[in-house]
Protein backbone atom coordinates (compact mmCIF):
# COMPACT_ATOMS: atom_id res chain seq x y z
CA MET A 1 -59.05 -55.07 16.98
CA ARG A 2 -55.93 -53.15 15.56
CA SER A 3 -55.91 -49.16 14.48
CA GLY A 4 -53.34 -47.25 12.40
CA LEU A 5 -52.11 -47.61 8.74
CA PRO A 6 -50.55 -50.42 7.35
CA GLY A 7 -46.74 -50.00 7.64
CA LEU A 8 -47.04 -46.97 10.13
CA ARG A 9 -48.55 -48.62 13.68
CA GLY A 10 -46.67 -47.78 16.53
CA THR A 11 -44.71 -45.42 15.52
CA SER A 12 -45.16 -41.35 15.74
CA VAL A 13 -46.61 -41.02 12.28
CA GLY A 14 -49.40 -43.43 12.76
CA VAL A 15 -50.23 -41.92 15.98
CA SER A 16 -49.72 -37.84 14.05
CA LEU A 17 -52.12 -39.26 11.52
CA ARG A 18 -54.42 -40.83 13.89
CA THR A 19 -54.76 -37.44 15.34
CA LEU A 20 -55.10 -35.95 12.86
CA CYS A 21 -58.26 -37.67 11.13
CA LEU A 22 -59.71 -37.53 14.80
CA THR A 23 -59.04 -33.82 15.04
CA VAL A 24 -59.68 -32.10 11.88
CA PRO A 25 -63.51 -33.88 11.91
CA LEU A 26 -64.05 -32.45 15.16
CA GLY A 27 -63.38 -29.96 14.71
CA VAL A 28 -64.94 -28.73 11.54
CA LEU A 29 -68.60 -29.81 13.35
CA MET A 30 -67.28 -28.07 16.52
CA TYR A 31 -66.62 -24.88 14.32
CA GLN A 32 -69.63 -23.12 14.65
CA VAL A 33 -71.01 -23.82 18.24
CA LEU A 34 -67.22 -22.49 19.34
CA ARG A 35 -67.54 -18.80 17.05
CA THR A 36 -70.93 -18.64 18.49
CA VAL A 37 -69.66 -19.08 22.67
CA GLY A 38 -66.80 -16.50 21.22
CA LEU A 39 -68.55 -14.16 19.76
CA ARG A 40 -71.05 -14.42 22.58
CA ALA A 41 -67.98 -13.70 24.94
CA ILE A 42 -66.33 -11.07 22.93
CA SER A 43 -69.65 -9.24 22.86
CA MET A 44 -69.92 -9.27 26.88
CA ALA A 45 -66.50 -8.01 27.82
CA SER A 46 -66.15 -5.14 25.07
CA GLU A 47 -70.28 -4.49 25.22
CA THR A 48 -70.16 -4.71 21.26
CA TYR A 49 -73.69 -5.62 19.48
CA MET A 50 -74.81 -8.97 19.50
CA ALA A 51 -76.98 -9.14 16.18
CA GLY A 52 -80.44 -10.23 16.15
CA MET A 53 -80.63 -8.76 19.30
CA HIS A 54 -83.04 -5.74 18.78
CA SER A 55 -85.50 -5.45 15.23
CA ALA A 56 -86.64 -3.35 13.43
CA ALA A 57 -90.63 -3.88 12.26
CA PHE A 58 -93.02 -2.44 10.04
CA VAL A 59 -96.73 -1.32 10.25
CA THR A 60 -98.94 0.43 7.47
CA CYS A 61 -101.98 2.72 8.90
CA PRO A 62 -104.79 3.92 6.78
CA ASN A 63 -103.85 7.85 7.70
CA ASP A 64 -101.35 9.84 10.33
CA LYS A 65 -103.94 9.68 13.07
CA VAL A 66 -103.85 6.54 13.60
CA ALA A 67 -100.14 6.08 13.22
CA LYS A 68 -99.64 9.01 15.28
CA ASP A 69 -101.34 7.10 18.03
CA LEU A 70 -100.29 3.96 17.49
CA ALA A 71 -96.50 5.34 17.61
CA ARG A 72 -97.14 7.22 21.33
CA GLY A 73 -98.70 4.14 22.52
CA ILE A 74 -95.61 2.17 21.12
CA VAL A 75 -93.23 4.12 22.95
CA GLU A 76 -95.20 4.72 26.28
CA LYS A 77 -95.68 1.52 26.75
CA LYS A 78 -92.01 0.74 26.05
CA LEU A 79 -92.73 -1.65 23.54
CA ALA A 80 -89.86 0.74 21.40
CA ALA A 81 -87.15 2.66 21.93
CA CYS A 82 -88.62 5.25 18.89
CA VAL A 83 -91.09 4.90 15.83
CA ASN A 84 -90.76 6.54 12.59
CA ILE A 85 -93.89 7.82 10.76
CA ILE A 86 -93.19 7.78 7.08
CA PRO A 87 -95.99 9.14 5.26
CA ALA A 88 -97.65 8.73 1.82
CA ILE A 89 -96.76 5.12 0.70
CA THR A 90 -98.84 3.11 -1.46
CA SER A 91 -100.09 -0.13 -0.83
CA VAL A 92 -101.02 -2.60 -3.80
CA TYR A 93 -101.94 -5.72 -2.35
CA GLU A 94 -104.73 -8.69 -2.57
CA TRP A 95 -107.75 -8.70 -0.41
CA GLN A 96 -110.99 -10.89 -0.23
CA GLY A 97 -110.02 -11.74 -3.90
CA LYS A 98 -109.61 -8.77 -5.57
CA ILE A 99 -106.86 -6.43 -6.26
CA GLN A 100 -106.50 -2.90 -3.85
CA GLU A 101 -104.58 0.25 -4.22
CA ASP A 102 -104.58 2.24 -0.70
CA SER A 103 -102.72 5.28 0.45
CA GLU A 104 -101.01 4.68 3.86
CA VAL A 105 -98.73 5.69 6.64
CA LEU A 106 -95.80 3.05 7.54
CA LEU A 107 -94.32 3.14 11.00
CA MET A 108 -90.64 1.69 11.72
CA ILE A 109 -90.45 0.62 14.76
CA LYS A 110 -86.84 0.05 16.71
CA THR A 111 -87.20 -2.57 19.72
CA ARG A 112 -85.99 -4.89 21.38
CA SER A 113 -86.41 -9.06 19.58
CA SER A 114 -88.08 -9.87 22.49
CA LYS A 115 -90.28 -7.23 22.69
CA VAL A 116 -92.03 -8.01 19.13
CA PRO A 117 -94.60 -10.62 20.74
CA ASP A 118 -95.72 -7.86 22.89
CA LEU A 119 -95.71 -4.76 20.22
CA THR A 120 -97.65 -7.16 18.05
CA GLU A 121 -100.41 -7.87 20.07
CA TYR A 122 -100.70 -4.04 21.02
CA VAL A 123 -100.96 -3.38 17.64
CA ARG A 124 -104.08 -5.92 17.14
CA ALA A 125 -105.63 -4.56 19.85
CA ASN A 126 -105.40 -0.78 19.18
CA HIS A 127 -105.41 -0.79 14.98
CA PRO A 128 -108.71 -0.32 13.14
CA TYR A 129 -107.59 -3.01 10.66
CA GLU A 130 -109.17 -6.62 10.30
CA VAL A 131 -105.57 -7.97 9.75
CA ALA A 132 -102.83 -5.24 10.68
CA GLU A 133 -99.55 -5.84 9.72
CA VAL A 134 -97.01 -6.65 11.98
CA ILE A 135 -93.81 -7.71 10.26
CA SER A 136 -89.85 -7.48 11.75
CA LEU A 137 -86.45 -8.64 10.77
CA PRO A 138 -83.60 -8.98 13.26
CA ILE A 139 -81.23 -6.24 13.09
CA GLU A 140 -77.45 -7.64 12.31
CA GLN A 141 -75.62 -4.60 12.65
CA GLY A 142 -75.46 -0.85 13.60
CA ASN A 143 -74.21 2.07 15.50
CA PRO A 144 -73.24 0.67 18.70
CA PRO A 145 -74.54 3.32 20.69
CA TYR A 146 -77.74 3.55 18.90
CA LEU A 147 -77.98 -0.12 19.27
CA LYS A 148 -77.50 0.79 23.10
CA TRP A 149 -79.93 3.19 23.40
CA ILE A 150 -82.43 1.04 22.39
CA GLN A 151 -81.61 -1.68 25.10
CA GLU A 152 -81.66 1.28 27.49
CA VAL A 153 -85.07 2.57 26.93
CA VAL A 154 -86.86 -0.93 26.24
CA PRO A 155 -86.29 -3.08 29.56
CA GLU A 156 -86.00 -6.79 29.03
C-alpha cells in the first residue's frame, strides 16, 4: 500500500505533511486529557485550588431554631467548615398540587464535595420537613486561603 501525496512520495515535504496530518488530529483529541493532567500537576506543585473540590450546599429550614440546630450539628460532625444562616427568605413552591408561600431560613454550607452525600443523609435524618431541600454547587474559584481552610477543617 502506498502512502503520501502524489508527486511528494519519499520527499521530505511528503513525510512532513504526513506527520502533520497525524499530529494535528492527535493533538486535538489529547488536548483535554493533557490540559486536565497539567492543571492537576500545577495544582499539586503550587498548592493552588482544583475546581470542584469543594461545594456550597443549600438547605431551607422552617425557623431559626431548626436552622441553628442543624448548622451546629453539621459543623460539630465535621460535615462542613462553615454554615451561614440567612434569615427571612420567602419561598414560593408547589406542594401536593397547591402553590405555597412560606417564610424560611436558608443555610449556606461550605464543605468538601466528597462530603455532600453524608451531609444530605444528616439533614434528612434531622430535618422536620418530609422532603428536605439539600442542593449543592461545586465551587469553581475562591480565595485560596479560605478554600485551604475548608480542606483542613473537613477531613476526607
